[in-house]
Amino acid sequence: MARLKNKSEAVQIYNTYIQDAQNTDSQACVELFKKLQQQEIKQAEEVRGHLQEVMQKGKM
């Protein structure tokens, strides 16, 4: 559960980084942060899927 919370927080932090990069007209940074944010989202989805499976089956 902590891992999923950390991923969620990371996604939100990347929103701030993306906004800051946009404010400084740094498109390369915007693209990098969006890419990293998408990776965090994908990992969070994997963690969530695993947790759902564990909760349904009752074991890891």
N, C-alpha and C. Protein backbone atom coordinates (compact mmCIF):
# COMPACT_ATOMS: atom_id res chain seq x y z
N MET A 1 0.82 -1.19 0.00
CA MET A 1 0.00 0.00 0.00
C MET A 1 0.87 1.26 0.00
N ALA A 2 1.95 1.23 0.75
CA ALA A 2 2.84 2.40 0.80
C ALA A 2 3.43 2.67 -0.57
N ARG A 3 3.75 1.62 -1.29
CA ARG A 3 4.32 1.77 -2.63
C ARG A 3 3.34 2.48 -3.56
N LEU A 4 2.09 2.10 -3.49
CA LEU A 4 1.07 2.73 -4.32
C LEU A 4 0.91 4.20 -3.95
N LYS A 5 0.94 4.50 -2.66
CA LYS A 5 0.84 5.88 -2.21
C LYS A 5 2.03 6.70 -2.72
N ASN A 6 3.22 6.12 -2.67
CA ASN A 6 4.42 6.81 -3.16
C ASN A 6 4.32 7.10 -4.65
N LYS A 7 3.81 6.15 -5.39
CA LYS A 7 3.66 6.35 -6.84
C LYS A 7 2.65 7.46 -7.12
N SER A 8 1.58 7.48 -6.37
CA SER A 8 0.57 8.52 -6.54
C SER A 8 1.14 9.90 -6.26
N GLU A 9 1.91 9.98 -5.20
CA GLU A 9 2.55 11.26 -4.86
C GLU A 9 3.54 11.69 -5.94
N ALA A 10 4.28 10.73 -6.49
CA ALA A 10 5.25 11.04 -7.54
C ALA A 10 4.55 11.62 -8.78
N VAL A 11 3.41 11.04 -9.12
CA VAL A 11 2.65 11.54 -10.28
C VAL A 11 2.26 12.99 -10.06
N GLN A 12 1.82 13.31 -8.85
CA GLN A 12 1.43 14.69 -8.54
C GLN A 12 2.63 15.63 -8.57
N ILE A 13 3.75 15.18 -8.07
CA ILE A 13 4.96 16.00 -8.08
C ILE A 13 5.39 16.30 -9.51
N TYR A 14 5.28 15.30 -10.39
CA TYR A 14 5.64 15.54 -11.79
C TYR A 14 4.76 16.61 -12.42
N ASN A 15 3.51 16.73 -11.97
CA ASN A 15 2.65 17.82 -12.48
C ASN A 15 3.29 19.17 -12.19
N THR A 16 3.85 19.31 -10.99
CA THR A 16 4.53 20.56 -10.63
C THR A 16 5.76 20.77 -11.50
N TYR A 17 6.56 19.72 -11.68
CA TYR A 17 7.76 19.83 -12.53
C TYR A 17 7.40 20.20 -13.96
N ILE A 18 6.35 19.60 -14.46
CA ILE A 18 5.91 19.88 -15.84
C ILE A 18 5.48 21.34 -15.95
N GLN A 19 4.72 21.79 -14.99
CA GLN A 19 4.25 23.18 -15.01
C GLN A 19 5.43 24.14 -14.93
N ASP A 20 6.39 23.86 -14.07
CA ASP A 20 7.57 24.71 -13.95
C ASP A 20 8.35 24.74 -15.27
N ALA A 21 8.50 23.59 -15.90
CA ALA A 21 9.22 23.53 -17.17
C ALA A 21 8.47 24.30 -18.26
N GLN A 22 7.15 24.21 -18.25
CA GLN A 22 6.35 24.97 -19.21
C GLN A 22 6.51 26.47 -18.99
N ASN A 23 6.57 26.87 -17.74
CA ASN A 23 6.71 28.29 -17.41
C ASN A 23 8.06 28.85 -17.85
N THR A 24 9.06 27.99 -17.98
CA THR A 24 10.38 28.44 -18.43
C THR A 24 10.63 28.09 -19.89
N ASP A 25 9.57 27.68 -20.58
CA ASP A 25 9.66 27.34 -22.01
C ASP A 25 10.73 26.29 -22.30
N SER A 26 10.83 25.29 -21.42
CA SER A 26 11.79 24.21 -21.61
C SER A 26 11.04 22.96 -22.07
N GLN A 27 10.81 22.90 -23.37
CA GLN A 27 10.03 21.80 -23.93
C GLN A 27 10.71 20.45 -23.71
N ALA A 28 12.02 20.42 -23.76
CA ALA A 28 12.75 19.16 -23.54
C ALA A 28 12.47 18.64 -22.13
N CYS A 29 12.45 19.53 -21.16
CA CYS A 29 12.16 19.11 -19.78
C CYS A 29 10.70 18.69 -19.64
N VAL A 30 9.80 19.41 -20.29
CA VAL A 30 8.38 19.05 -20.26
C VAL A 30 8.22 17.62 -20.77
N GLU A 31 8.83 17.32 -21.88
CA GLU A 31 8.71 15.99 -22.47
C GLU A 31 9.31 14.92 -21.57
N LEU A 32 10.46 15.22 -20.97
CA LEU A 32 11.09 14.26 -20.07
C LEU A 32 10.21 13.99 -18.86
N PHE A 33 9.72 15.05 -18.24
CA PHE A 33 8.89 14.87 -17.05
C PHE A 33 7.58 14.15 -17.37
N LYS A 34 7.00 14.41 -18.52
CA LYS A 34 5.79 13.70 -18.92
C LYS A 34 6.07 12.22 -19.13
N LYS A 35 7.22 11.93 -19.72
CA LYS A 35 7.61 10.53 -19.93
C LYS A 35 7.80 9.82 -18.59
N LEU A 36 8.49 10.47 -17.68
CA LEU A 36 8.73 9.88 -16.36
C LEU A 36 7.41 9.73 -15.59
N GLN A 37 6.53 10.69 -15.74
CA GLN A 37 5.23 10.63 -15.09
C GLN A 37 4.43 9.43 -15.61
N GLN A 38 4.47 9.21 -16.91
CA GLN A 38 3.75 8.08 -17.49
C GLN A 38 4.30 6.75 -16.97
N GLN A 39 5.61 6.69 -16.76
CA GLN A 39 6.21 5.49 -16.19
C GLN A 39 5.70 5.26 -14.77
N GLU A 40 5.60 6.32 -14.01
CA GLU A 40 5.07 6.21 -12.64
C GLU A 40 3.63 5.73 -12.66
N ILE A 41 2.83 6.25 -13.58
CA ILE A 41 1.43 5.85 -13.70
C ILE A 41 1.35 4.37 -14.03
N LYS A 42 2.16 3.93 -14.98
CA LYS A 42 2.16 2.52 -15.38
C LYS A 42 2.54 1.63 -14.20
N GLN A 43 3.56 2.03 -13.46
CA GLN A 43 3.99 1.25 -12.30
C GLN A 43 2.92 1.23 -11.22
N ALA A 44 2.25 2.34 -11.01
CA ALA A 44 1.16 2.40 -10.02
C ALA A 44 0.03 1.46 -10.42
N GLU A 45 -0.27 1.41 -11.71
CA GLU A 45 -1.32 0.50 -12.19
C GLU A 45 -0.92 -0.95 -11.96
N GLU A 46 0.35 -1.27 -12.16
CA GLU A 46 0.83 -2.63 -11.92
C GLU A 46 0.71 -2.98 -10.44
N VAL A 47 1.10 -2.07 -9.57
CA VAL A 47 1.02 -2.30 -8.13
C VAL A 47 -0.44 -2.48 -7.73
N ARG A 48 -1.31 -1.62 -8.22
CA ARG A 48 -2.74 -1.70 -7.89
C ARG A 48 -3.32 -3.04 -8.35
N GLY A 49 -2.97 -3.45 -9.55
CA GLY A 49 -3.45 -4.73 -10.07
C GLY A 49 -2.99 -5.89 -9.20
N HIS A 50 -1.74 -5.85 -8.78
CA HIS A 50 -1.21 -6.91 -7.92
C HIS A 50 -1.95 -6.93 -6.58
N LEU A 51 -2.16 -5.75 -6.00
CA LEU A 51 -2.86 -5.67 -4.72
C LEU A 51 -4.29 -6.19 -4.83
N GLN A 52 -4.95 -5.89 -5.93
CA GLN A 52 -6.31 -6.39 -6.12
C GLN A 52 -6.31 -7.91 -6.20
N GLU A 53 -5.33 -8.45 -6.89
CA GLU A 53 -5.23 -9.90 -7.01
C GLU A 53 -4.97 -10.53 -5.65
N VAL A 54 -4.07 -9.94 -4.88
CA VAL A 54 -3.77 -10.45 -3.55
C VAL A 54 -5.01 -10.42 -2.65
N MET A 55 -5.74 -9.33 -2.73
CA MET A 55 -6.92 -9.19 -1.88
C MET A 55 -8.00 -10.20 -2.27
N GLN A 56 -8.11 -10.50 -3.55
CA GLN A 56 -9.11 -11.45 -4.01
C GLN A 56 -8.72 -12.88 -3.66
N LYS A 57 -7.44 -13.20 -3.81
CA LYS A 57 -6.98 -14.56 -3.57
C LYS A 57 -6.52 -14.79 -2.14
N GLY A 58 -6.22 -13.70 -1.45
CA GLY A 58 -5.81 -13.81 -0.07
C GLY A 58 -4.38 -14.24 0.14
N LYS A 59 -3.57 -14.17 -0.91
CA LYS A 59 -2.15 -14.50 -0.77
C LYS A 59 -1.34 -13.79 -1.84
N MET A 60 -0.05 -13.65 -1.54
CA MET A 60 0.84 -13.00 -2.48
C MET A 60 1.40 -14.06 -3.38
